Amino acid sequence: MIDSISGKTPSRKKGWTRREWRYFWLGLVFASPWIIGFLIFTVYPFFSSLYFSLTEYDLFNPPRWVGIDNYKAIMEDRSFYKSITNTLFMAFISVPITLFSSLLIAMLLNFKVRGINYYRTMFYLPAVIPGVASALLWTWMLNPDFGLVNMFLRWVGLPDPAWLLDPRFTKPSLVLMGLWGSGAGALIFLAALQGVPQTYYEAAQVDGANWWHRFWKITVPALSPIILFQLIMGLIGAFQIFTESYILAGGKAGSGSSLGGPGQSLLFYAVNLYQEAFIHLKMGYASALAWILFIIVMLITLLVLKTSKRWVYYGGE
């Protein structure tokens, strides 16, 4: 309503009305299950782990304050450096290979051929198999004596390595598992590919661009936001590898009371953290390992996001 004398709209009184406060509290009531769960299962463990990382704690005795001694001990621990080396291998070798494989599969599944829906389902099915079942399946397939992989290699006349017994081939075994389950990433790429306007390819073809130029100048820039997403999620997942390593290593301590398999070649960061926490009962030490992992993943994610400004293109840019 406009004031008849001044001709101005009267300003609204500061503060909420009774109805607005009522809606606010009603919204909190409906959101309270999520809020309570977030506080109990996320916020509390987050800050309690920070406290425990500065203590000596074994679950049975009260925590004893030790300051940054746990972090100093980590810097002198050989298992820490071994787990970091193994994890970085999976992060910077396996993730790019799996990413490229997912993109290649998506491009193949983007062709309009008869029965394409069945092919898409077939490639995606491995992604829905639980991690434990998948690892057990590959334990059998990679068996050096009767595994299908070595049977095929012997049939074509190639060497048949002892995949899970030779430290040189244990991590390549995990790479094979990652390639087998790359259907989930391929599905995301496929959805993005179908959103690229065909007029771009038609215009480029009229201008004489071959398939490589169309791929590099149109497909890759159009998919760059999805590549960024898949890359970040892949790196985060690589730093949390546990199930596959635990199953392939036999789920028991090997030489040197380690879960890392032959030559500790499967001792990844999450496996080392689990070992320190639930086998050696060094909860304070394990909490310090968790915080170092959090910092490493955060820094790598920020670095990728920083560099993405040079190679990621969004619509309208």
C-alpha atoms as a PDB file:
ATOM      1  CA  MET A   1       0.000   0.000   0.000  1.00  0.00           C
ATOM      2  CA  ILE A   2       1.312   3.509  -0.926  1.00  0.00           C
ATOM      3  CA  ASP A   3       1.108   6.358   1.591  1.00  0.00           C
ATOM      4  CA  SER A   4      -1.389   8.965   0.249  1.00  0.00           C
ATOM      5  CA  ILE A   5       0.656  11.920   1.589  1.00  0.00           C
ATOM      6  CA  SER A   6       4.286  10.963   0.886  1.00  0.00           C
ATOM      7  CA  GLY A   7       3.583   8.662  -2.074  1.00  0.00           C
ATOM      8  CA  LYS A   8       6.036   6.081  -0.666  1.00  0.00           C
ATOM      9  CA  THR A   9       5.508   2.477   0.246  1.00  0.00           C
ATOM     10  CA  PRO A  10       5.772   2.126   4.019  1.00  0.00           C
ATOM     11  CA  SER A  11       8.765  -0.006   5.045  1.00  0.00           C
ATOM     12  CA  ARG A  12       8.084  -3.375   6.629  1.00  0.00           C
ATOM     13  CA  LYS A  13       8.782  -3.705  10.338  1.00  0.00           C
ATOM     14  CA  LYS A  14      11.999  -5.490  11.184  1.00  0.00           C
ATOM     15  CA  GLY A  15      11.752  -9.034  12.502  1.00  0.00           C
ATOM     16  CA  TRP A  16       9.587 -11.991  11.660  1.00  0.00           C
ATOM     17  CA  THR A  17       5.873 -12.192  12.124  1.00  0.00           C
ATOM     18  CA  ARG A  18       4.284 -14.838  14.328  1.00  0.00           C
ATOM     19  CA  ARG A  19       3.350 -16.870  11.235  1.00  0.00           C
ATOM     20  CA  GLU A  20       6.946 -16.770   9.941  1.00  0.00           C
ATOM     21  CA  TRP A  21       8.312 -17.933  13.299  1.00  0.00           C
ATOM     22  CA  ARG A  22       5.745 -20.707  13.332  1.00  0.00           C
ATOM     23  CA  TYR A  23       6.838 -21.916   9.904  1.00  0.00           C
ATOM     24  CA  PHE A  24      10.484 -21.683  10.965  1.00  0.00           C
ATOM     25  CA  TRP A  25      10.017 -23.910  14.023  1.00  0.00           C
ATOM     26  CA  LEU A  26       7.778 -26.285  12.072  1.00  0.00           C
ATOM     27  CA  GLY A  27      10.510 -26.627   9.449  1.00  0.00           C
ATOM     28  CA  LEU A  28      13.065 -27.389  12.157  1.00  0.00           C
ATOM     29  CA  VAL A  29      10.802 -30.099  13.578  1.00  0.00           C
ATOM     30  CA  PHE A  30      10.528 -31.811  10.198  1.00  0.00           C
ATOM     31  CA  ALA A  31      14.278 -31.424   9.562  1.00  0.00           C
ATOM     32  CA  SER A  32      15.248 -32.508  13.097  1.00  0.00           C
ATOM     33  CA  PRO A  33      15.820 -36.232  12.263  1.00  0.00           C
ATOM     34  CA  TRP A  34      18.457 -35.282   9.679  1.00  0.00           C
ATOM     35  CA  ILE A  35      19.932 -32.532  11.891  1.00  0.00           C
ATOM     36  CA  ILE A  36      20.220 -34.849  14.897  1.00  0.00           C
ATOM     37  CA  GLY A  37      21.738 -37.613  12.781  1.00  0.00           C
ATOM     38  CA  PHE A  38      24.203 -35.165  11.211  1.00  0.00           C
ATOM     39  CA  LEU A  39      25.304 -33.877  14.619  1.00  0.00           C
ATOM     40  CA  ILE A  40      25.658 -37.358  16.151  1.00  0.00           C
ATOM     41  CA  PHE A  41      27.161 -39.296  13.244  1.00  0.00           C
ATOM     42  CA  THR A  42      29.163 -36.583  11.438  1.00  0.00           C
ATOM     43  CA  VAL A  43      29.948 -33.504  13.532  1.00  0.00           C
ATOM     44  CA  TYR A  44      30.660 -35.322  16.815  1.00  0.00           C
ATOM     45  CA  PRO A  45      32.957 -38.010  15.272  1.00  0.00           C
ATOM     46  CA  PHE A  46      34.711 -35.301  13.245  1.00  0.00           C
ATOM     47  CA  PHE A  47      35.786 -33.268  16.255  1.00  0.00           C
ATOM     48  CA  SER A  48      36.218 -36.223  18.627  1.00  0.00           C
ATOM     49  CA  SER A  49      38.698 -37.802  16.187  1.00  0.00           C
ATOM     50  CA  LEU A  50      40.682 -34.571  16.257  1.00  0.00           C
ATOM     51  CA  TYR A  51      40.834 -34.812  20.046  1.00  0.00           C
ATOM     52  CA  PHE A  52      41.744 -38.516  20.014  1.00  0.00           C
ATOM     53  CA  SER A  53      44.533 -37.821  17.494  1.00  0.00           C
ATOM     54  CA  LEU A  54      46.246 -35.848  20.244  1.00  0.00           C
ATOM     55  CA  THR A  55      45.918 -38.647  22.793  1.00  0.00           C
ATOM     56  CA  GLU A  56      47.019 -42.208  23.444  1.00  0.00           C
ATOM     57  CA  TYR A  57      43.833 -44.266  23.420  1.00  0.00           C
ATOM     58  CA  ASP A  58      43.198 -48.024  23.193  1.00  0.00           C
ATOM     59  CA  LEU A  59      39.416 -48.229  23.834  1.00  0.00           C
ATOM     60  CA  PHE A  60      39.905 -49.837  27.250  1.00  0.00           C
ATOM     61  CA  ASN A  61      41.704 -47.074  29.141  1.00  0.00           C
ATOM     62  CA  PRO A  62      40.874 -43.357  29.311  1.00  0.00           C
ATOM     63  CA  PRO A  63      42.587 -41.225  26.661  1.00  0.00           C
ATOM     64  CA  ARG A  64      45.953 -39.832  27.758  1.00  0.00           C
ATOM     65  CA  TRP A  65      47.012 -36.482  26.285  1.00  0.00           C
ATOM     66  CA  VAL A  66      50.251 -36.726  24.270  1.00  0.00           C
ATOM     67  CA  GLY A  67      49.991 -33.640  22.065  1.00  0.00           C
ATOM     68  CA  ILE A  68      51.463 -34.060  18.590  1.00  0.00           C
ATOM     69  CA  ASP A  69      53.451 -37.191  19.464  1.00  0.00           C
ATOM     70  CA  ASN A  70      51.202 -39.325  17.252  1.00  0.00           C
ATOM     71  CA  TYR A  71      51.961 -37.119  14.260  1.00  0.00           C
ATOM     72  CA  LYS A  72      55.689 -37.282  14.990  1.00  0.00           C
ATOM     73  CA  ALA A  73      55.503 -41.070  15.191  1.00  0.00           C
ATOM     74  CA  ILE A  74      53.696 -41.214  11.846  1.00  0.00           C
ATOM     75  CA  MET A  75      56.519 -39.308  10.175  1.00  0.00           C
ATOM     76  CA  GLU A  76      58.931 -42.042  11.340  1.00  0.00           C
ATOM     77  CA  ASP A  77      56.695 -45.011  10.452  1.00  0.00           C
ATOM     78  CA  ARG A  78      57.731 -47.098   7.435  1.00  0.00           C
ATOM     79  CA  SER A  79      54.210 -48.477   7.047  1.00  0.00           C
ATOM     80  CA  PHE A  80      52.909 -44.938   6.592  1.00  0.00           C
ATOM     81  CA  TYR A  81      55.247 -44.225   3.681  1.00  0.00           C
ATOM     82  CA  LYS A  82      54.602 -47.637   2.134  1.00  0.00           C
ATOM     83  CA  SER A  83      50.838 -47.103   2.316  1.00  0.00           C
ATOM     84  CA  ILE A  84      51.174 -43.618   0.831  1.00  0.00           C
ATOM     85  CA  THR A  85      53.260 -44.968  -2.074  1.00  0.00           C
ATOM     86  CA  ASN A  86      50.757 -47.742  -2.836  1.00  0.00           C
ATOM     87  CA  THR A  87      47.810 -45.373  -2.580  1.00  0.00           C
ATOM     88  CA  LEU A  88      49.396 -42.763  -4.845  1.00  0.00           C
ATOM     89  CA  PHE A  89      49.972 -45.477  -7.440  1.00  0.00           C
ATOM     90  CA  MET A  90      46.254 -46.255  -7.499  1.00  0.00           C
ATOM     91  CA  ALA A  91      45.329 -42.564  -7.474  1.00  0.00           C
ATOM     92  CA  PHE A  92      47.567 -41.418 -10.320  1.00  0.00           C
ATOM     93  CA  ILE A  93      47.861 -44.598 -12.398  1.00  0.00           C
ATOM     94  CA  SER A  94      44.627 -46.520 -11.947  1.00  0.00           C
ATOM     95  CA  VAL A  95      42.239 -43.538 -11.872  1.00  0.00           C
ATOM     96  CA  PRO A  96      43.322 -42.058 -15.255  1.00  0.00           C
ATOM     97  CA  ILE A  97      43.232 -45.524 -16.870  1.00  0.00           C
ATOM     98  CA  THR A  98      39.751 -46.204 -15.506  1.00  0.00           C
ATOM     99  CA  LEU A  99      38.610 -42.720 -16.527  1.00  0.00           C
ATOM    100  CA  PHE A 100      39.809 -43.221 -20.102  1.00  0.00           C
ATOM    101  CA  SER A 101      38.228 -46.679 -20.209  1.00  0.00           C
ATOM    102  CA  SER A 102      34.879 -45.293 -19.021  1.00  0.00           C
ATOM    103  CA  LEU A 103      34.955 -42.590 -21.696  1.00  0.00           C
ATOM    104  CA  LEU A 104      35.845 -45.102 -24.417  1.00  0.00           C
ATOM    105  CA  ILE A 105      33.027 -47.450 -23.370  1.00  0.00           C
ATOM    106  CA  ALA A 106      30.575 -44.529 -23.272  1.00  0.00           C
ATOM    107  CA  MET A 107      31.503 -43.497 -26.802  1.00  0.00           C
ATOM    108  CA  LEU A 108      30.990 -47.058 -28.020  1.00  0.00           C
ATOM    109  CA  LEU A 109      27.638 -47.295 -26.247  1.00  0.00           C
ATOM    110  CA  ASN A 110      26.569 -44.001 -27.799  1.00  0.00           C
ATOM    111  CA  PHE A 111      26.302 -45.558 -31.260  1.00  0.00           C
ATOM    112  CA  LYS A 112      22.782 -46.281 -32.424  1.00  0.00           C
ATOM    113  CA  VAL A 113      22.940 -49.960 -33.287  1.00  0.00           C
ATOM    114  CA  ARG A 114      20.495 -52.783 -32.863  1.00  0.00           C
ATOM    115  CA  GLY A 115      20.279 -54.085 -29.281  1.00  0.00           C
ATOM    116  CA  ILE A 116      22.272 -51.158 -27.822  1.00  0.00           C
ATOM    117  CA  ASN A 117      20.191 -51.215 -24.628  1.00  0.00           C
ATOM    118  CA  TYR A 118      21.333 -54.775 -23.922  1.00  0.00           C
ATOM    119  CA  TYR A 119      24.962 -53.779 -24.416  1.00  0.00           C
ATOM    120  CA  ARG A 120      24.528 -50.837 -22.043  1.00  0.00           C
ATOM    121  CA  THR A 121      23.009 -53.107 -19.411  1.00  0.00           C
ATOM    122  CA  MET A 122      25.802 -55.659 -19.827  1.00  0.00           C
ATOM    123  CA  PHE A 123      28.548 -53.070 -19.331  1.00  0.00           C
ATOM    124  CA  TYR A 124      26.802 -51.538 -16.317  1.00  0.00           C
ATOM    125  CA  LEU A 125      26.045 -54.779 -14.450  1.00  0.00           C
ATOM    126  CA  PRO A 126      29.542 -55.172 -12.867  1.00  0.00           C
ATOM    127  CA  ALA A 127      29.085 -51.782 -11.192  1.00  0.00           C
ATOM    128  CA  VAL A 128      26.127 -53.029  -9.126  1.00  0.00           C
ATOM    129  CA  ILE A 129      27.936 -56.107  -7.766  1.00  0.00           C
ATOM    130  CA  PRO A 130      28.922 -55.587  -4.093  1.00  0.00           C
ATOM    131  CA  GLY A 131      32.605 -54.937  -3.489  1.00  0.00           C
ATOM    132  CA  VAL A 132      33.174 -58.097  -1.425  1.00  0.00           C
ATOM    133  CA  ALA A 133      31.522 -60.348  -4.013  1.00  0.00           C
ATOM    134  CA  SER A 134      33.474 -58.652  -6.802  1.00  0.00           C
ATOM    135  CA  ALA A 135      36.780 -59.087  -4.952  1.00  0.00           C
ATOM    136  CA  LEU A 136      36.054 -62.770  -4.252  1.00  0.00           C
ATOM    137  CA  LEU A 137      35.184 -63.310  -7.901  1.00  0.00           C
ATOM    138  CA  TRP A 138      38.455 -61.764  -9.025  1.00  0.00           C
ATOM    139  CA  THR A 139      40.379 -63.772  -6.430  1.00  0.00           C
ATOM    140  CA  TRP A 140      39.152 -66.870  -8.255  1.00  0.00           C
ATOM    141  CA  MET A 141      39.679 -65.423 -11.750  1.00  0.00           C
ATOM    142  CA  LEU A 142      43.267 -64.408 -10.944  1.00  0.00           C
ATOM    143  CA  ASN A 143      44.223 -67.714  -9.391  1.00  0.00           C
ATOM    144  CA  PRO A 144      47.609 -68.642 -10.925  1.00  0.00           C
ATOM    145  CA  ASP A 145      46.640 -72.319 -11.427  1.00  0.00           C
ATOM    146  CA  PHE A 146      43.001 -72.461 -12.539  1.00  0.00           C
ATOM    147  CA  GLY A 147      41.976 -68.807 -12.900  1.00  0.00           C
ATOM    148  CA  LEU A 148      40.297 -67.783 -16.139  1.00  0.00           C
ATOM    149  CA  VAL A 149      42.757 -64.942 -16.754  1.00  0.00           C
ATOM    150  CA  ASN A 150      45.834 -67.173 -16.666  1.00  0.00           C
ATOM    151  CA  MET A 151      44.060 -69.906 -18.639  1.00  0.00           C
ATOM    152  CA  PHE A 152      43.423 -67.390 -21.394  1.00  0.00           C
ATOM    153  CA  LEU A 153      47.013 -66.102 -21.274  1.00  0.00           C
ATOM    154  CA  ARG A 154      48.384 -69.634 -21.556  1.00  0.00           C
ATOM    155  CA  TRP A 155      45.997 -70.347 -24.433  1.00  0.00           C
ATOM    156  CA  VAL A 156      47.347 -67.385 -26.467  1.00  0.00           C
ATOM    157  CA  GLY A 157      50.942 -68.199 -25.531  1.00  0.00           C
ATOM    158  CA  LEU A 158      51.590 -65.314 -23.130  1.00  0.00           C
ATOM    159  CA  PRO A 159      53.239 -65.492 -19.683  1.00  0.00           C
ATOM    160  CA  ASP A 160      50.846 -66.256 -16.835  1.00  0.00           C
ATOM    161  CA  PRO A 161      51.972 -64.318 -13.745  1.00  0.00           C
ATOM    162  CA  ALA A 162      51.080 -65.148 -10.162  1.00  0.00           C
ATOM    163  CA  TRP A 163      48.808 -62.139  -9.856  1.00  0.00           C
ATOM    164  CA  LEU A 164      48.045 -62.192  -6.135  1.00  0.00           C
ATOM    165  CA  LEU A 165      51.337 -63.774  -5.005  1.00  0.00           C
ATOM    166  CA  ASP A 166      53.835 -61.584  -6.841  1.00  0.00           C
ATOM    167  CA  PRO A 167      54.214 -58.021  -5.455  1.00  0.00           C
ATOM    168  CA  ARG A 168      54.798 -56.762  -8.999  1.00  0.00           C
ATOM    169  CA  PHE A 169      51.309 -57.803 -10.120  1.00  0.00           C
ATOM    170  CA  THR A 170      49.082 -57.224  -7.089  1.00  0.00           C
ATOM    171  CA  LYS A 171      48.328 -53.582  -7.876  1.00  0.00           C
ATOM    172  CA  PRO A 172      47.809 -54.308 -11.616  1.00  0.00           C
ATOM    173  CA  SER A 173      45.231 -56.839 -10.401  1.00  0.00           C
ATOM    174  CA  LEU A 174      43.329 -54.010  -8.753  1.00  0.00           C
ATOM    175  CA  VAL A 175      43.612 -51.976 -11.951  1.00  0.00           C
ATOM    176  CA  LEU A 176      41.964 -54.862 -13.836  1.00  0.00           C
ATOM    177  CA  MET A 177      39.172 -54.894 -11.276  1.00  0.00           C
ATOM    178  CA  GLY A 178      38.709 -51.165 -11.743  1.00  0.00           C
ATOM    179  CA  LEU A 179      38.479 -51.561 -15.513  1.00  0.00           C
ATOM    180  CA  TRP A 180      35.904 -54.322 -15.093  1.00  0.00           C
ATOM    181  CA  GLY A 181      33.713 -52.049 -12.968  1.00  0.00           C
ATOM    182  CA  SER A 182      34.077 -48.914 -15.084  1.00  0.00           C
ATOM    183  CA  GLY A 183      30.476 -49.191 -16.306  1.00  0.00           C
ATOM    184  CA  ALA A 184      29.228 -46.758 -13.674  1.00  0.00           C
ATOM    185  CA  GLY A 185      31.519 -44.011 -14.954  1.00  0.00           C
ATOM    186  CA  ALA A 186      30.658 -44.941 -18.535  1.00  0.00           C
ATOM    187  CA  LEU A 187      26.961 -44.427 -17.777  1.00  0.00           C
ATOM    188  CA  ILE A 188      27.623 -40.882 -16.548  1.00  0.00           C
ATOM    189  CA  PHE A 189      29.737 -40.126 -19.618  1.00  0.00           C
ATOM    190  CA  LEU A 190      27.032 -41.591 -21.841  1.00  0.00           C
ATOM    191  CA  ALA A 191      24.409 -39.273 -20.382  1.00  0.00           C
ATOM    192  CA  ALA A 192      26.712 -36.305 -20.980  1.00  0.00           C
ATOM    193  CA  LEU A 193      27.513 -37.423 -24.538  1.00  0.00           C
ATOM    194  CA  GLN A 194      23.844 -37.532 -25.429  1.00  0.00           C
ATOM    195  CA  GLY A 195      23.548 -33.926 -24.311  1.00  0.00           C
ATOM    196  CA  VAL A 196      26.138 -32.637 -26.812  1.00  0.00           C
ATOM    197  CA  PRO A 197      24.303 -30.989 -29.759  1.00  0.00           C
ATOM    198  CA  GLN A 198      24.815 -32.930 -32.977  1.00  0.00           C
ATOM    199  CA  THR A 199      24.917 -29.653 -34.905  1.00  0.00           C
ATOM    200  CA  TYR A 200      28.427 -29.085 -33.554  1.00  0.00           C
ATOM    201  CA  TYR A 201      29.681 -32.295 -35.148  1.00  0.00           C
ATOM    202  CA  GLU A 202      27.823 -31.623 -38.395  1.00  0.00           C
ATOM    203  CA  ALA A 203      29.295 -28.116 -38.676  1.00  0.00           C
ATOM    204  CA  ALA A 204      32.807 -29.421 -37.937  1.00  0.00           C
ATOM    205  CA  GLN A 205      32.414 -32.195 -40.502  1.00  0.00           C
ATOM    206  CA  VAL A 206      31.341 -29.670 -43.131  1.00  0.00           C
ATOM    207  CA  ASP A 207      34.486 -27.683 -42.354  1.00  0.00           C
ATOM    208  CA  GLY A 208      36.591 -30.776 -43.009  1.00  0.00           C
ATOM    209  CA  ALA A 209      37.391 -31.815 -39.414  1.00  0.00           C
ATOM    210  CA  ASN A 210      38.297 -35.500 -39.044  1.00  0.00           C
ATOM    211  CA  TRP A 211      37.176 -37.723 -36.147  1.00  0.00           C
ATOM    212  CA  TRP A 212      40.171 -36.811 -33.975  1.00  0.00           C
ATOM    213  CA  HIS A 213      39.581 -33.064 -34.315  1.00  0.00           C
ATOM    214  CA  ARG A 214      35.871 -33.549 -33.590  1.00  0.00           C
ATOM    215  CA  PHE A 215      36.733 -35.587 -30.505  1.00  0.00           C
ATOM    216  CA  TRP A 216      39.418 -33.217 -29.191  1.00  0.00           C
ATOM    217  CA  LYS A 217      37.733 -29.927 -30.048  1.00  0.00           C
ATOM    218  CA  ILE A 218      34.079 -30.788 -29.367  1.00  0.00           C
ATOM    219  CA  THR A 219      33.653 -33.942 -27.298  1.00  0.00           C
ATOM    220  CA  VAL A 220      36.369 -33.348 -24.711  1.00  0.00           C
ATOM    221  CA  PRO A 221      35.468 -29.682 -23.992  1.00  0.00           C
ATOM    222  CA  ALA A 222      31.779 -30.594 -23.788  1.00  0.00           C
ATOM    223  CA  LEU A 223      32.547 -33.403 -21.338  1.00  0.00           C
ATOM    224  CA  SER A 224      35.164 -31.506 -19.332  1.00  0.00           C
ATOM    225  CA  PRO A 225      32.833 -30.769 -16.351  1.00  0.00           C
ATOM    226  CA  ILE A 226      31.969 -34.475 -16.172  1.00  0.00           C
ATOM    227  CA  ILE A 227      35.644 -35.407 -16.495  1.00  0.00           C
ATOM    228  CA  LEU A 228      36.389 -33.076 -13.577  1.00  0.00           C
ATOM    229  CA  PHE A 229      33.662 -34.672 -11.460  1.00  0.00           C
ATOM    230  CA  GLN A 230      34.781 -38.217 -12.304  1.00  0.00           C
ATOM    231  CA  LEU A 231      38.421 -37.330 -11.661  1.00  0.00           C
ATOM    232  CA  ILE A 232      37.763 -35.866  -8.215  1.00  0.00           C
ATOM    233  CA  MET A 233      35.489 -38.726  -7.165  1.00  0.00           C
ATOM    234  CA  GLY A 234      37.991 -41.253  -8.507  1.00  0.00           C
ATOM    235  CA  LEU A 235      40.885 -39.706  -6.574  1.00  0.00           C
ATOM    236  CA  ILE A 236      38.857 -39.602  -3.368  1.00  0.00           C
ATOM    237  CA  GLY A 237      37.849 -43.232  -3.879  1.00  0.00           C
ATOM    238  CA  ALA A 238      41.464 -44.256  -4.562  1.00  0.00           C
ATOM    239  CA  PHE A 239      42.543 -42.872  -1.198  1.00  0.00           C
ATOM    240  CA  GLN A 240      39.869 -44.991   0.499  1.00  0.00           C
ATOM    241  CA  ILE A 241      40.614 -48.369  -1.121  1.00  0.00           C
ATOM    242  CA  PHE A 242      40.039 -51.034   1.488  1.00  0.00           C
ATOM    243  CA  THR A 243      37.645 -53.861   0.565  1.00  0.00           C
ATOM    244  CA  GLU A 244      39.484 -55.031  -2.556  1.00  0.00           C
ATOM    245  CA  SER A 245      42.863 -54.997  -0.837  1.00  0.00           C
ATOM    246  CA  TYR A 246      41.546 -56.735   2.281  1.00  0.00           C
ATOM    247  CA  ILE A 247      39.938 -59.552   0.285  1.00  0.00           C
ATOM    248  CA  LEU A 248      42.763 -60.024  -2.224  1.00  0.00           C
ATOM    249  CA  ALA A 249      45.318 -60.113   0.598  1.00  0.00           C
ATOM    250  CA  GLY A 250      43.351 -62.922   2.241  1.00  0.00           C
ATOM    251  CA  GLY A 251      41.814 -60.853   5.033  1.00  0.00           C
ATOM    252  CA  LYS A 252      44.573 -61.805   7.434  1.00  0.00           C
ATOM    253  CA  ALA A 253      47.963 -60.573   8.549  1.00  0.00           C
ATOM    254  CA  GLY A 254      50.850 -61.636   6.384  1.00  0.00           C
ATOM    255  CA  SER A 255      54.564 -61.258   6.933  1.00  0.00           C
ATOM    256  CA  GLY A 256      55.406 -58.729   9.564  1.00  0.00           C
ATOM    257  CA  SER A 257      51.846 -58.847  11.001  1.00  0.00           C
ATOM    258  CA  SER A 258      50.546 -56.754   8.143  1.00  0.00           C
ATOM    259  CA  LEU A 259      47.365 -56.859   6.106  1.00  0.00           C
ATOM    260  CA  GLY A 260      49.298 -55.623   3.091  1.00  0.00           C
ATOM    261  CA  GLY A 261      49.691 -58.910   1.246  1.00  0.00           C
ATOM    262  CA  PRO A 262      52.961 -60.037  -0.409  1.00  0.00           C
ATOM    263  CA  GLY A 263      55.698 -57.515   0.200  1.00  0.00           C
ATOM    264  CA  GLN A 264      53.102 -55.100   1.622  1.00  0.00           C
ATOM    265  CA  SER A 265      52.182 -54.301  -1.973  1.00  0.00           C
ATOM    266  CA  LEU A 266      48.491 -54.090  -1.001  1.00  0.00           C
ATOM    267  CA  LEU A 267      49.035 -52.001   2.119  1.00  0.00           C
ATOM    268  CA  PHE A 268      46.944 -48.977   1.179  1.00  0.00           C
ATOM    269  CA  TYR A 269      46.313 -46.011   3.433  1.00  0.00           C
ATOM    270  CA  ALA A 270      42.856 -47.129   4.587  1.00  0.00           C
ATOM    271  CA  VAL A 271      44.159 -50.646   5.234  1.00  0.00           C
ATOM    272  CA  ASN A 272      47.022 -49.285   7.339  1.00  0.00           C
ATOM    273  CA  LEU A 273      44.574 -47.083   9.243  1.00  0.00           C
ATOM    274  CA  TYR A 274      42.288 -50.059   9.909  1.00  0.00           C
ATOM    275  CA  GLN A 275      45.245 -52.149  11.033  1.00  0.00           C
ATOM    276  CA  GLU A 276      46.453 -49.552  13.522  1.00  0.00           C
ATOM    277  CA  ALA A 277      42.957 -48.965  14.917  1.00  0.00           C
ATOM    278  CA  PHE A 278      41.372 -52.402  15.124  1.00  0.00           C
ATOM    279  CA  ILE A 279      44.327 -54.809  15.232  1.00  0.00           C
ATOM    280  CA  HIS A 280      46.888 -52.837  17.201  1.00  0.00           C
ATOM    281  CA  LEU A 281      44.168 -50.869  19.076  1.00  0.00           C
ATOM    282  CA  LYS A 282      46.062 -47.595  18.644  1.00  0.00           C
ATOM    283  CA  MET A 283      42.979 -45.409  18.254  1.00  0.00           C
ATOM    284  CA  GLY A 284      44.808 -42.142  18.857  1.00  0.00           C
ATOM    285  CA  TYR A 285      47.437 -43.024  16.270  1.00  0.00           C
ATOM    286  CA  ALA A 286      44.747 -44.098  13.795  1.00  0.00           C
ATOM    287  CA  SER A 287      42.854 -40.835  14.357  1.00  0.00           C
ATOM    288  CA  ALA A 288      46.026 -38.927  13.488  1.00  0.00           C
ATOM    289  CA  LEU A 289      46.327 -41.017  10.312  1.00  0.00           C
ATOM    290  CA  ALA A 290      42.731 -40.157   9.451  1.00  0.00           C
ATOM    291  CA  TRP A 291      43.377 -36.440   9.814  1.00  0.00           C
ATOM    292  CA  ILE A 292      46.472 -36.633   7.626  1.00  0.00           C
ATOM    293  CA  LEU A 293      44.369 -38.448   5.022  1.00  0.00           C
ATOM    294  CA  PHE A 294      41.733 -35.719   5.252  1.00  0.00           C
ATOM    295  CA  ILE A 295      44.351 -33.018   4.678  1.00  0.00           C
ATOM    296  CA  ILE A 296      45.944 -34.893   1.742  1.00  0.00           C
ATOM    297  CA  VAL A 297      42.613 -35.466  -0.002  1.00  0.00           C
ATOM    298  CA  MET A 298      41.556 -31.858   0.602  1.00  0.00           C
ATOM    299  CA  LEU A 299      44.798 -30.475  -0.842  1.00  0.00           C
ATOM    300  CA  ILE A 300      44.648 -32.725  -3.915  1.00  0.00           C
ATOM    301  CA  THR A 301      40.991 -31.797  -4.489  1.00  0.00           C
ATOM    302  CA  LEU A 302      41.767 -28.083  -4.198  1.00  0.00           C
ATOM    303  CA  LEU A 303      44.713 -28.494  -6.582  1.00  0.00           C
ATOM    304  CA  VAL A 304      42.522 -30.225  -9.182  1.00  0.00           C
ATOM    305  CA  LEU A 305      39.849 -27.547  -8.822  1.00  0.00           C
ATOM    306  CA  LYS A 306      42.497 -24.839  -9.172  1.00  0.00           C
ATOM    307  CA  THR A 307      43.870 -26.311 -12.383  1.00  0.00           C
ATOM    308  CA  SER A 308      40.363 -26.967 -13.740  1.00  0.00           C
ATOM    309  CA  LYS A 309      40.020 -23.295 -14.663  1.00  0.00           C
ATOM    310  CA  ARG A 310      42.398 -23.965 -17.562  1.00  0.00           C
ATOM    311  CA  TRP A 311      40.696 -27.012 -19.077  1.00  0.00           C
ATOM    312  CA  VAL A 312      37.076 -27.172 -17.922  1.00  0.00           C
ATOM    313  CA  TYR A 313      34.487 -25.396 -20.056  1.00  0.00           C
ATOM    314  CA  TYR A 314      30.935 -24.752 -18.975  1.00  0.00           C
ATOM    315  CA  GLY A 315      27.945 -23.886 -21.129  1.00  0.00           C
ATOM    316  CA  GLY A 316      27.926 -20.264 -22.254  1.00  0.00           C
ATOM    317  CA  GLU A 317      31.686 -19.771 -21.839  1.00  0.00           C
END
